[in-house]
Amino acid sequence: MASEIEKFLFGCHGTHALISLSLSIDRIVVAVAPWTDLTCIKEAVFERATLLSVCASSSEPPEEFTLPWDIIDFANTRQADGRWKFVLYCGNAVELVFLADFPQSNNSAGAD
């Protein structure tokens, strides 16, 4: 079953790719698009963000770290302070764990 963040970002468009990732103080921005149309980008802005961990596989070849990345799972759990814990699993190579407010979105032309 799709998580809240997957429903929010993916809608009914199936398998998605992580197109871009931006990390800054108190803010994480992700851009995703369905593999069927990588121009149909949806950007999500996570405010009050705290990066908890980034894990990258040392056994993967360097080309596996070139975007876009296949999103395997994007899990979320509401926290007591009102923020959410997000766990983004991409391909066999990267796992990103962070706390943040549920995102605001900015759809590109053609995105739902």
PDB file of N, CA and C in Angstrom:
ATOM      1  N   MET A   1       0.845  -1.184   0.000  1.00  0.00           N
ATOM      2  CA  MET A   1       0.000   0.000   0.000  1.00  0.00           C
ATOM      3  C   MET A   1       0.891   1.248   0.000  1.00  0.00           C
ATOM      4  N   ALA A   2       0.482   2.220  -0.769  1.00  0.00           N
ATOM      5  CA  ALA A   2       1.258   3.456  -0.891  1.00  0.00           C
ATOM      6  C   ALA A   2       1.206   4.267   0.403  1.00  0.00           C
ATOM      7  N   SER A   3       2.326   4.876   0.751  1.00  0.00           N
ATOM      8  CA  SER A   3       2.392   5.753   1.926  1.00  0.00           C
ATOM      9  C   SER A   3       1.740   7.094   1.595  1.00  0.00           C
ATOM     10  N   GLU A   4       1.532   7.913   2.618  1.00  0.00           N
ATOM     11  CA  GLU A   4       0.949   9.245   2.403  1.00  0.00           C
ATOM     12  C   GLU A   4       1.800  10.081   1.454  1.00  0.00           C
ATOM     13  N   ILE A   5       3.108  10.023   1.624  1.00  0.00           N
ATOM     14  CA  ILE A   5       3.985  10.825   0.770  1.00  0.00           C
ATOM     15  C   ILE A   5       3.986  10.290  -0.663  1.00  0.00           C
ATOM     16  N   GLU A   6       3.893   8.977  -0.828  1.00  0.00           N
ATOM     17  CA  GLU A   6       3.819   8.415  -2.179  1.00  0.00           C
ATOM     18  C   GLU A   6       2.518   8.823  -2.864  1.00  0.00           C
ATOM     19  N   LYS A   7       1.408   8.791  -2.143  1.00  0.00           N
ATOM     20  CA  LYS A   7       0.129   9.241  -2.715  1.00  0.00           C
ATOM     21  C   LYS A   7       0.217  10.707  -3.119  1.00  0.00           C
ATOM     22  N   PHE A   8       0.806  11.520  -2.251  1.00  0.00           N
ATOM     23  CA  PHE A   8       0.932  12.954  -2.494  1.00  0.00           C
ATOM     24  C   PHE A   8       1.795  13.245  -3.722  1.00  0.00           C
ATOM     25  N   LEU A   9       2.932  12.571  -3.821  1.00  0.00           N
ATOM     26  CA  LEU A   9       3.873  12.853  -4.905  1.00  0.00           C
ATOM     27  C   LEU A   9       3.576  12.112  -6.207  1.00  0.00           C
ATOM     28  N   PHE A  10       3.153  10.866  -6.107  1.00  0.00           N
ATOM     29  CA  PHE A  10       3.053  10.033  -7.302  1.00  0.00           C
ATOM     30  C   PHE A  10       1.663  10.007  -7.918  1.00  0.00           C
ATOM     31  N   GLY A  11       0.627  10.236  -7.097  1.00  0.00           N
ATOM     32  CA  GLY A  11      -0.732  10.126  -7.624  1.00  0.00           C
ATOM     33  C   GLY A  11      -0.949   8.735  -8.199  1.00  0.00           C
ATOM     34  N   CYS A  12      -1.470   8.684  -9.407  1.00  0.00           N
ATOM     35  CA  CYS A  12      -1.742   7.395 -10.058  1.00  0.00           C
ATOM     36  C   CYS A  12      -0.771   7.128 -11.202  1.00  0.00           C
ATOM     37  N   HIS A  13       0.392   7.750 -11.160  1.00  0.00           N
ATOM     38  CA  HIS A  13       1.330   7.663 -12.278  1.00  0.00           C
ATOM     39  C   HIS A  13       2.350   6.536 -12.181  1.00  0.00           C
ATOM     40  N   GLY A  14       2.200   5.614 -11.248  1.00  0.00           N
ATOM     41  CA  GLY A  14       3.080   4.450 -11.204  1.00  0.00           C
ATOM     42  C   GLY A  14       4.489   4.738 -10.706  1.00  0.00           C
ATOM     43  N   THR A  15       5.439   3.969 -11.231  1.00  0.00           N
ATOM     44  CA  THR A  15       6.822   4.033 -10.778  1.00  0.00           C
ATOM     45  C   THR A  15       7.457   5.376 -11.101  1.00  0.00           C
ATOM     46  N   HIS A  16       8.179   5.922 -10.106  1.00  0.00           N
ATOM     47  CA  HIS A  16       8.777   7.253 -10.244  1.00  0.00           C
ATOM     48  C   HIS A  16      10.292   7.236 -10.097  1.00  0.00           C
ATOM     49  N   ALA A  17      10.881   8.303 -10.590  1.00  0.00           N
ATOM     50  CA  ALA A  17      12.322   8.526 -10.478  1.00  0.00           C
ATOM     51  C   ALA A  17      12.571   9.781  -9.659  1.00  0.00           C
ATOM     52  N   LEU A  18      13.648   9.773  -8.900  1.00  0.00           N
ATOM     53  CA  LEU A  18      14.115  10.987  -8.238  1.00  0.00           C
ATOM     54  C   LEU A  18      14.952  11.747  -9.261  1.00  0.00           C
ATOM     55  N   ILE A  19      14.475  12.929  -9.637  1.00  0.00           N
ATOM     56  CA  ILE A  19      15.115  13.735 -10.669  1.00  0.00           C
ATOM     57  C   ILE A  19      16.178  14.650 -10.061  1.00  0.00           C
ATOM     58  N   SER A  20      15.843  15.244  -8.905  1.00  0.00           N
ATOM     59  CA  SER A  20      16.821  16.103  -8.226  1.00  0.00           C
ATOM     60  C   SER A  20      16.572  16.096  -6.729  1.00  0.00           C
ATOM     61  N   LEU A  21      17.611  16.445  -5.991  1.00  0.00           N
ATOM     62  CA  LEU A  21      17.587  16.489  -4.534  1.00  0.00           C
ATOM     63  C   LEU A  21      18.419  17.680  -4.097  1.00  0.00           C
ATOM     64  N   SER A  22      17.826  18.527  -3.248  1.00  0.00           N
ATOM     65  CA  SER A  22      18.530  19.705  -2.750  1.00  0.00           C
ATOM     66  C   SER A  22      18.451  19.714  -1.230  1.00  0.00           C
ATOM     67  N   LEU A  23      19.600  19.808  -0.588  1.00  0.00           N
ATOM     68  CA  LEU A  23      19.684  19.837   0.870  1.00  0.00           C
ATOM     69  C   LEU A  23      20.224  21.184   1.306  1.00  0.00           C
ATOM     70  N   SER A  24      19.531  21.830   2.236  1.00  0.00           N
ATOM     71  CA  SER A  24      20.031  23.071   2.817  1.00  0.00           C
ATOM     72  C   SER A  24      19.602  23.111   4.277  1.00  0.00           C
ATOM     73  N   ILE A  25      20.015  24.125   4.988  1.00  0.00           N
ATOM     74  CA  ILE A  25      19.664  24.233   6.401  1.00  0.00           C
ATOM     75  C   ILE A  25      18.152  24.336   6.522  1.00  0.00           C
ATOM     76  N   ASP A  26      17.554  23.420   7.274  1.00  0.00           N
ATOM     77  CA  ASP A  26      16.119  23.394   7.560  1.00  0.00           C
ATOM     78  C   ASP A  26      15.226  23.159   6.347  1.00  0.00           C
ATOM     79  N   ARG A  27      15.785  22.693   5.214  1.00  0.00           N
ATOM     80  CA  ARG A  27      14.952  22.521   4.020  1.00  0.00           C
ATOM     81  C   ARG A  27      15.518  21.418   3.118  1.00  0.00           C
ATOM     82  N   ILE A  28      14.616  20.563   2.642  1.00  0.00           N
ATOM     83  CA  ILE A  28      14.967  19.545   1.656  1.00  0.00           C
ATOM     84  C   ILE A  28      13.965  19.667   0.519  1.00  0.00           C
ATOM     85  N   VAL A  29      14.467  19.655  -0.699  1.00  0.00           N
ATOM     86  CA  VAL A  29      13.601  19.736  -1.873  1.00  0.00           C
ATOM     87  C   VAL A  29      13.884  18.520  -2.747  1.00  0.00           C
ATOM     88  N   VAL A  30      12.819  17.796  -3.092  1.00  0.00           N
ATOM     89  CA  VAL A  30      12.954  16.674  -4.017  1.00  0.00           C
ATOM     90  C   VAL A  30      12.088  16.945  -5.240  1.00  0.00           C
ATOM     91  N   ALA A  31      12.567  16.503  -6.371  1.00  0.00           N
ATOM     92  CA  ALA A  31      11.786  16.559  -7.606  1.00  0.00           C
ATOM     93  C   ALA A  31      11.686  15.139  -8.136  1.00  0.00           C
ATOM     94  N   VAL A  32      10.457  14.721  -8.421  1.00  0.00           N
ATOM     95  CA  VAL A  32      10.206  13.372  -8.915  1.00  0.00           C
ATOM     96  C   VAL A  32       9.418  13.451 -10.217  1.00  0.00           C
ATOM     97  N   ALA A  33       9.488  12.363 -10.980  1.00  0.00           N
ATOM     98  CA  ALA A  33       8.720  12.268 -12.219  1.00  0.00           C
ATOM     99  C   ALA A  33       8.466  10.797 -12.515  1.00  0.00           C
ATOM    100  N   PRO A  34       7.342  10.502 -13.158  1.00  0.00           N
ATOM    101  CA  PRO A  34       7.108   9.108 -13.546  1.00  0.00           C
ATOM    102  C   PRO A  34       8.114   8.686 -14.617  1.00  0.00           C
ATOM    103  N   TRP A  35       8.549   7.438 -14.543  1.00  0.00           N
ATOM    104  CA  TRP A  35       9.505   6.940 -15.533  1.00  0.00           C
ATOM    105  C   TRP A  35       8.925   7.022 -16.940  1.00  0.00           C
ATOM    106  N   THR A  36       7.605   6.983 -17.058  1.00  0.00           N
ATOM    107  CA  THR A  36       6.971   7.041 -18.375  1.00  0.00           C
ATOM    108  C   THR A  36       7.038   8.423 -19.003  1.00  0.00           C
ATOM    109  N   ASP A  37       7.277   9.467 -18.193  1.00  0.00           N
ATOM    110  CA  ASP A  37       7.386  10.839 -18.707  1.00  0.00           C
ATOM    111  C   ASP A  37       8.239  11.664 -17.747  1.00  0.00           C
ATOM    112  N   LEU A  38       9.541  11.648 -17.949  1.00  0.00           N
ATOM    113  CA  LEU A  38      10.462  12.336 -17.039  1.00  0.00           C
ATOM    114  C   LEU A  38      10.361  13.854 -17.115  1.00  0.00           C
ATOM    115  N   THR A  39       9.532  14.378 -18.019  1.00  0.00           N
ATOM    116  CA  THR A  39       9.302  15.829 -18.077  1.00  0.00           C
ATOM    117  C   THR A  39       8.128  16.250 -17.197  1.00  0.00           C
ATOM    118  N   CYS A  40       7.386  15.299 -16.677  1.00  0.00           N
ATOM    119  CA  CYS A  40       6.219  15.564 -15.820  1.00  0.00           C
ATOM    120  C   CYS A  40       6.690  15.618 -14.360  1.00  0.00           C
ATOM    121  N   ILE A  41       7.400  16.676 -14.015  1.00  0.00           N
ATOM    122  CA  ILE A  41       8.094  16.786 -12.724  1.00  0.00           C
ATOM    123  C   ILE A  41       7.196  17.385 -11.651  1.00  0.00           C
ATOM    124  N   LYS A  42       7.238  16.771 -10.473  1.00  0.00           N
ATOM    125  CA  LYS A  42       6.565  17.320  -9.297  1.00  0.00           C
ATOM    126  C   LYS A  42       7.638  17.581  -8.251  1.00  0.00           C
ATOM    127  N   GLU A  43       7.688  18.808  -7.764  1.00  0.00           N
ATOM    128  CA  GLU A  43       8.673  19.204  -6.761  1.00  0.00           C
ATOM    129  C   GLU A  43       7.985  19.306  -5.409  1.00  0.00           C
ATOM    130  N   ALA A  44       8.633  18.783  -4.382  1.00  0.00           N
ATOM    131  CA  ALA A  44       8.115  18.870  -3.018  1.00  0.00           C
ATOM    132  C   ALA A  44       9.149  19.560  -2.141  1.00  0.00           C
ATOM    133  N   VAL A  45       8.679  20.524  -1.355  1.00  0.00           N
ATOM    134  CA  VAL A  45       9.542  21.294  -0.461  1.00  0.00           C
ATOM    135  C   VAL A  45       9.230  20.874   0.975  1.00  0.00           C
ATOM    136  N   PHE A  46      10.223  20.337   1.653  1.00  0.00           N
ATOM    137  CA  PHE A  46      10.090  19.889   3.035  1.00  0.00           C
ATOM    138  C   PHE A  46      10.740  20.938   3.934  1.00  0.00           C
ATOM    139  N   GLU A  47       9.928  21.643   4.713  1.00  0.00           N
ATOM    140  CA  GLU A  47      10.434  22.681   5.623  1.00  0.00           C
ATOM    141  C   GLU A  47      10.687  22.086   7.012  1.00  0.00           C
ATOM    142  N   ARG A  48      11.402  22.831   7.851  1.00  0.00           N
ATOM    143  CA  ARG A  48      11.790  22.404   9.204  1.00  0.00           C
ATOM    144  C   ARG A  48      12.466  21.041   9.150  1.00  0.00           C
ATOM    145  N   ALA A  49      13.291  20.849   8.142  1.00  0.00           N
ATOM    146  CA  ALA A  49      13.907  19.548   7.891  1.00  0.00           C
ATOM    147  C   ALA A  49      15.168  19.339   8.718  1.00  0.00           C
ATOM    148  N   THR A  50      15.311  18.128   9.205  1.00  0.00           N
ATOM    149  CA  THR A  50      16.515  17.681   9.897  1.00  0.00           C
ATOM    150  C   THR A  50      16.954  16.383   9.242  1.00  0.00           C
ATOM    151  N   LEU A  51      18.116  16.386   8.638  1.00  0.00           N
ATOM    152  CA  LEU A  51      18.654  15.193   7.999  1.00  0.00           C
ATOM    153  C   LEU A  51      19.179  14.259   9.082  1.00  0.00           C
ATOM    154  N   LEU A  52      18.663  13.039   9.133  1.00  0.00           N
ATOM    155  CA  LEU A  52      19.088  12.071  10.143  1.00  0.00           C
ATOM    156  C   LEU A  52      20.195  11.165   9.628  1.00  0.00           C
ATOM    157  N   SER A  53      20.084  10.724   8.383  1.00  0.00           N
ATOM    158  CA  SER A  53      21.136   9.870   7.827  1.00  0.00           C
ATOM    159  C   SER A  53      21.049   9.801   6.309  1.00  0.00           C
ATOM    160  N   VAL A  54      22.200   9.538   5.738  1.00  0.00           N
ATOM    161  CA  VAL A  54      22.312   9.234   4.314  1.00  0.00           C
ATOM    162  C   VAL A  54      23.205   8.013   4.224  1.00  0.00           C
ATOM    163  N   CYS A  55      22.689   6.962   3.631  1.00  0.00           N
ATOM    164  CA  CYS A  55      23.476   5.745   3.452  1.00  0.00           C
ATOM    165  C   CYS A  55      23.634   5.497   1.962  1.00  0.00           C
ATOM    166  N   ALA A  56      24.847   5.236   1.550  1.00  0.00           N
ATOM    167  CA  ALA A  56      25.126   4.935   0.149  1.00  0.00           C
ATOM    168  C   ALA A  56      25.949   3.658   0.080  1.00  0.00           C
ATOM    169  N   SER A  57      25.592   2.797  -0.833  1.00  0.00           N
ATOM    170  CA  SER A  57      26.288   1.530  -0.994  1.00  0.00           C
ATOM    171  C   SER A  57      27.655   1.738  -1.620  1.00  0.00           C
ATOM    172  N   SER A  58      28.665   1.188  -0.978  1.00  0.00           N
ATOM    173  CA  SER A  58      30.019   1.296  -1.535  1.00  0.00           C
ATOM    174  C   SER A  58      30.268   0.235  -2.599  1.00  0.00           C
ATOM    175  N   SER A  59      29.355  -0.723  -2.719  1.00  0.00           N
ATOM    176  CA  SER A  59      29.551  -1.796  -3.696  1.00  0.00           C
ATOM    177  C   SER A  59      28.959  -1.466  -5.067  1.00  0.00           C
ATOM    178  N   GLU A  60      28.198  -0.372  -5.149  1.00  0.00           N
ATOM    179  CA  GLU A  60      27.590   0.003  -6.427  1.00  0.00           C
ATOM    180  C   GLU A  60      28.598   0.747  -7.295  1.00  0.00           C
ATOM    181  N   PRO A  61      28.538   0.538  -8.609  1.00  0.00           N
ATOM    182  CA  PRO A  61      29.433   1.287  -9.503  1.00  0.00           C
ATOM    183  C   PRO A  61      29.062   2.766  -9.525  1.00  0.00           C
ATOM    184  N   PRO A  62      30.010   3.645  -9.824  1.00  0.00           N
ATOM    185  CA  PRO A  62      29.761   5.098  -9.786  1.00  0.00           C
ATOM    186  C   PRO A  62      28.564   5.548 -10.614  1.00  0.00           C
ATOM    187  N   GLU A  63      28.296   4.898 -11.738  1.00  0.00           N
ATOM    188  CA  GLU A  63      27.168   5.320 -12.577  1.00  0.00           C
ATOM    189  C   GLU A  63      25.811   5.146 -11.890  1.00  0.00           C
ATOM    190  N   GLU A  64      25.745   4.307 -10.858  1.00  0.00           N
ATOM    191  CA  GLU A  64      24.500   4.136 -10.103  1.00  0.00           C
ATOM    192  C   GLU A  64      24.141   5.386  -9.303  1.00  0.00           C
ATOM    193  N   PHE A  65      25.093   6.297  -9.126  1.00  0.00           N
ATOM    194  CA  PHE A  65      24.851   7.503  -8.341  1.00  0.00           C
ATOM    195  C   PHE A  65      24.501   8.711  -9.207  1.00  0.00           C
ATOM    196  N   THR A  66      24.338   8.499 -10.496  1.00  0.00           N
ATOM    197  CA  THR A  66      23.934   9.563 -11.407  1.00  0.00           C
ATOM    198  C   THR A  66      22.410   9.599 -11.476  1.00  0.00           C
ATOM    199  N   LEU A  67      21.828  10.772 -11.227  1.00  0.00           N
ATOM    200  CA  LEU A  67      20.377  10.916 -11.318  1.00  0.00           C
ATOM    201  C   LEU A  67      19.932  10.800 -12.771  1.00  0.00           C
ATOM    202  N   PRO A  68      18.717  10.314 -13.017  1.00  0.00           N
ATOM    203  CA  PRO A  68      17.666   9.993 -12.054  1.00  0.00           C
ATOM    204  C   PRO A  68      17.887   8.637 -11.374  1.00  0.00           C
ATOM    205  N   TRP A  69      17.320   8.547 -10.148  1.00  0.00           N
ATOM    206  CA  TRP A  69      17.365   7.312  -9.375  1.00  0.00           C
ATOM    207  C   TRP A  69      15.969   6.711  -9.311  1.00  0.00           C
ATOM    208  N   ASP A  70      15.906   5.397  -9.346  1.00  0.00           N
ATOM    209  CA  ASP A  70      14.642   4.685  -9.210  1.00  0.00           C
ATOM    210  C   ASP A  70      14.192   4.754  -7.753  1.00  0.00           C
ATOM    211  N   ILE A  71      12.973   5.240  -7.510  1.00  0.00           N
ATOM    212  CA  ILE A  71      12.441   5.289  -6.145  1.00  0.00           C
ATOM    213  C   ILE A  71      11.804   3.938  -5.848  1.00  0.00           C
ATOM    214  N   ILE A  72      12.402   3.206  -4.935  1.00  0.00           N
ATOM    215  CA  ILE A  72      11.908   1.893  -4.542  1.00  0.00           C
ATOM    216  C   ILE A  72      10.798   2.035  -3.506  1.00  0.00           C
ATOM    217  N   ASP A  73      10.988   2.948  -2.556  1.00  0.00           N
ATOM    218  CA  ASP A  73      10.007   3.160  -1.489  1.00  0.00           C
ATOM    219  C   ASP A  73      10.229   4.550  -0.904  1.00  0.00           C
ATOM    220  N   PHE A  74       9.125   5.190  -0.510  1.00  0.00           N
ATOM    221  CA  PHE A  74       9.205   6.485   0.172  1.00  0.00           C
ATOM    222  C   PHE A  74       8.225   6.374   1.334  1.00  0.00           C
ATOM    223  N   ALA A  75       8.751   6.017   2.503  1.00  0.00           N
ATOM    224  CA  ALA A  75       7.930   5.764   3.686  1.00  0.00           C
ATOM    225  C   ALA A  75       7.830   7.012   4.551  1.00  0.00           C
ATOM    226  N   ASN A  76       6.785   7.080   5.348  1.00  0.00           N
ATOM    227  CA  ASN A  76       6.633   8.207   6.268  1.00  0.00           C
ATOM    228  C   ASN A  76       5.888   7.782   7.528  1.00  0.00           C
ATOM    229  N   THR A  77       6.219   8.470   8.638  1.00  0.00           N
ATOM    230  CA  THR A  77       5.566   8.256   9.923  1.00  0.00           C
ATOM    231  C   THR A  77       5.422   9.606  10.605  1.00  0.00           C
ATOM    232  N   ARG A  78       4.204   9.929  11.056  1.00  0.00           N
ATOM    233  CA  ARG A  78       3.978  11.191  11.774  1.00  0.00           C
ATOM    234  C   ARG A  78       4.659  11.119  13.138  1.00  0.00           C
ATOM    235  N   GLN A  79       5.324  12.216  13.521  1.00  0.00           N
ATOM    236  CA  GLN A  79       6.040  12.301  14.795  1.00  0.00           C
ATOM    237  C   GLN A  79       5.240  13.128  15.806  1.00  0.00           C
ATOM    238  N   ALA A  80       5.572  13.002  17.074  1.00  0.00           N
ATOM    239  CA  ALA A  80       4.849  13.699  18.146  1.00  0.00           C
ATOM    240  C   ALA A  80       4.926  15.221  18.019  1.00  0.00           C
ATOM    241  N   ASP A  81       6.017  15.739  17.433  1.00  0.00           N
ATOM    242  CA  ASP A  81       6.174  17.198  17.322  1.00  0.00           C
ATOM    243  C   ASP A  81       5.455  17.793  16.109  1.00  0.00           C
ATOM    244  N   GLY A  82       4.682  16.965  15.386  1.00  0.00           N
ATOM    245  CA  GLY A  82       3.939  17.452  14.225  1.00  0.00           C
ATOM    246  C   GLY A  82       4.672  17.268  12.910  1.00  0.00           C
ATOM    247  N   ARG A  83       5.986  17.017  12.996  1.00  0.00           N
ATOM    248  CA  ARG A  83       6.722  16.742  11.767  1.00  0.00           C
ATOM    249  C   ARG A  83       6.521  15.276  11.388  1.00  0.00           C
ATOM    250  N   TRP A  84       7.110  14.899  10.283  1.00  0.00           N
ATOM    251  CA  TRP A  84       7.048  13.530   9.794  1.00  0.00           C
ATOM    252  C   TRP A  84       8.467  12.993   9.651  1.00  0.00           C
ATOM    253  N   LYS A  85       8.614  11.684   9.844  1.00  0.00           N
ATOM    254  CA  LYS A  85       9.880  11.019   9.540  1.00  0.00           C
ATOM    255  C   LYS A  85       9.722  10.396   8.155  1.00  0.00           C
ATOM    256  N   PHE A  86      10.637  10.738   7.263  1.00  0.00           N
ATOM    257  CA  PHE A  86      10.608  10.234   5.895  1.00  0.00           C
ATOM    258  C   PHE A  86      11.825   9.361   5.654  1.00  0.00           C
ATOM    259  N   VAL A  87      11.610   8.245   4.957  1.00  0.00           N
ATOM    260  CA  VAL A  87      12.697   7.356   4.561  1.00  0.00           C
ATOM    261  C   VAL A  87      12.554   7.130   3.060  1.00  0.00           C
ATOM    262  N   LEU A  88      13.527   7.621   2.308  1.00  0.00           N
ATOM    263  CA  LEU A  88      13.517   7.522   0.852  1.00  0.00           C
ATOM    264  C   LEU A  88      14.565   6.500   0.422  1.00  0.00           C
ATOM    265  N   TYR A  89      14.099   5.411  -0.186  1.00  0.00           N
ATOM    266  CA  TYR A  89      14.988   4.360  -0.692  1.00  0.00           C
ATOM    267  C   TYR A  89      15.071   4.489  -2.208  1.00  0.00           C
ATOM    268  N   CYS A  90      16.257   4.642  -2.720  1.00  0.00           N
ATOM    269  CA  CYS A  90      16.452   4.793  -4.167  1.00  0.00           C
ATOM    270  C   CYS A  90      17.372   3.708  -4.697  1.00  0.00           C
ATOM    271  N   GLY A  91      16.854   2.922  -5.626  1.00  0.00           N
ATOM    272  CA  GLY A  91      17.647   1.871  -6.255  1.00  0.00           C
ATOM    273  C   GLY A  91      18.316   0.990  -5.224  1.00  0.00           C
ATOM    274  N   ASN A  92      19.470   0.513  -5.550  1.00  0.00           N
ATOM    275  CA  ASN A  92      20.261  -0.289  -4.612  1.00  0.00           C
ATOM    276  C   ASN A  92      21.318   0.552  -3.932  1.00  0.00           C
ATOM    277  N   ALA A  93      21.304   1.861  -4.209  1.00  0.00           N
ATOM    278  CA  ALA A  93      22.457   2.669  -3.855  1.00  0.00           C
ATOM    279  C   ALA A  93      22.277   3.608  -2.673  1.00  0.00           C
ATOM    280  N   VAL A  94      21.099   4.235  -2.493  1.00  0.00           N
ATOM    281  CA  VAL A  94      20.983   5.350  -1.550  1.00  0.00           C
ATOM    282  C   VAL A  94      19.737   5.231  -0.675  1.00  0.00           C
ATOM    283  N   GLU A  95      19.909   5.569   0.607  1.00  0.00           N
ATOM    284  CA  GLU A  95      18.792   5.695   1.544  1.00  0.00           C
ATOM    285  C   GLU A  95      18.960   7.026   2.266  1.00  0.00           C
ATOM    286  N   LEU A  96      17.908   7.831   2.264  1.00  0.00           N
ATOM    287  CA  LEU A  96      17.908   9.147   2.900  1.00  0.00           C
ATOM    288  C   LEU A  96      16.826   9.143   3.974  1.00  0.00           C
ATOM    289  N   VAL A  97      17.183   9.516   5.214  1.00  0.00           N
ATOM    290  CA  VAL A  97      16.230   9.560   6.320  1.00  0.00           C
ATOM    291  C   VAL A  97      16.238  10.971   6.888  1.00  0.00           C
ATOM    292  N   PHE A  98      15.034  11.562   7.020  1.00  0.00           N
ATOM    293  CA  PHE A  98      14.958  12.923   7.539  1.00  0.00           C
ATOM    294  C   PHE A  98      13.622  13.178   8.217  1.00  0.00           C
ATOM    295  N   LEU A  99      13.607  14.192   9.102  1.00  0.00           N
ATOM    296  CA  LEU A  99      12.391  14.701   9.726  1.00  0.00           C
ATOM    297  C   LEU A  99      12.042  16.010   9.042  1.00  0.00           C
ATOM    298  N   ALA A 100      10.741  16.266   8.844  1.00  0.00           N
ATOM    299  CA  ALA A 100      10.324  17.529   8.221  1.00  0.00           C
ATOM    300  C   ALA A 100       8.815  17.664   8.313  1.00  0.00           C
ATOM    301  N   ASP A 101       8.344  18.884   8.037  1.00  0.00           N
ATOM    302  CA  ASP A 101       6.916  19.089   7.854  1.00  0.00           C
ATOM    303  C   ASP A 101       6.495  18.362   6.585  1.00  0.00           C
ATOM    304  N   PHE A 102       5.210  17.986   6.515  1.00  0.00           N
ATOM    305  CA  PHE A 102       4.715  17.400   5.269  1.00  0.00           C
ATOM    306  C   PHE A 102       4.879  18.460   4.188  1.00  0.00           C
ATOM    307  N   PRO A 103       5.286  18.071   2.999  1.00  0.00           N
ATOM    308  CA  PRO A 103       5.706  19.060   2.001  1.00  0.00           C
ATOM    309  C   PRO A 103       4.585  19.856   1.347  1.00  0.00           C
ATOM    310  N   GLN A 104       5.009  20.975   0.818  1.00  0.00           N
ATOM    311  CA  GLN A 104       4.214  21.741  -0.128  1.00  0.00           C
ATOM    312  C   GLN A 104       4.718  21.292  -1.493  1.00  0.00           C
ATOM    313  N   SER A 105       3.905  21.437  -2.519  1.00  0.00           N
ATOM    314  CA  SER A 105       4.371  20.993  -3.832  1.00  0.00           C
ATOM    315  C   SER A 105       4.238  22.083  -4.864  1.00  0.00           C
ATOM    316  N   ASN A 106       5.021  21.918  -5.900  1.00  0.00           N
ATOM    317  CA  ASN A 106       4.973  22.804  -7.052  1.00  0.00           C
ATOM    318  C   ASN A 106       5.056  21.913  -8.275  1.00  0.00           C
ATOM    319  N   ASN A 107       3.942  21.772  -8.980  1.00  0.00           N
ATOM    320  CA  ASN A 107       3.900  20.911 -10.159  1.00  0.00           C
ATOM    321  C   ASN A 107       4.439  21.642 -11.370  1.00  0.00           C
ATOM    322  N   SER A 108       5.170  20.924 -12.204  1.00  0.00           N
ATOM    323  CA  SER A 108       5.572  21.498 -13.486  1.00  0.00           C
ATOM    324  C   SER A 108       4.400  21.374 -14.442  1.00  0.00           C
ATOM    325  N   ALA A 109       4.512  21.980 -15.581  1.00  0.00           N
ATOM    326  CA  ALA A 109       3.459  21.882 -16.581  1.00  0.00           C
ATOM    327  C   ALA A 109       3.220  20.424 -16.913  1.00  0.00           C
ATOM    328  N   GLY A 110       1.965  20.039 -16.887  1.00  0.00           N
ATOM    329  CA  GLY A 110       1.606  18.677 -17.240  1.00  0.00           C
ATOM    330  C   GLY A 110       1.541  17.725 -16.071  1.00  0.00           C
ATOM    331  N   ALA A 111       1.999  18.098 -14.905  1.00  0.00           N
ATOM    332  CA  ALA A 111       1.937  17.212 -13.742  1.00  0.00           C
ATOM    333  C   ALA A 111       0.605  17.383 -13.046  1.00  0.00           C
ATOM    334  N   ASP A 112       0.167  16.320 -12.379  1.00  0.00           N
ATOM    335  CA  ASP A 112      -1.084  16.385 -11.602  1.00  0.00           C
ATOM    336  C   ASP A 112      -0.820  16.996 -10.252  1.00  0.00           C
TER     337      ASP A 112
END
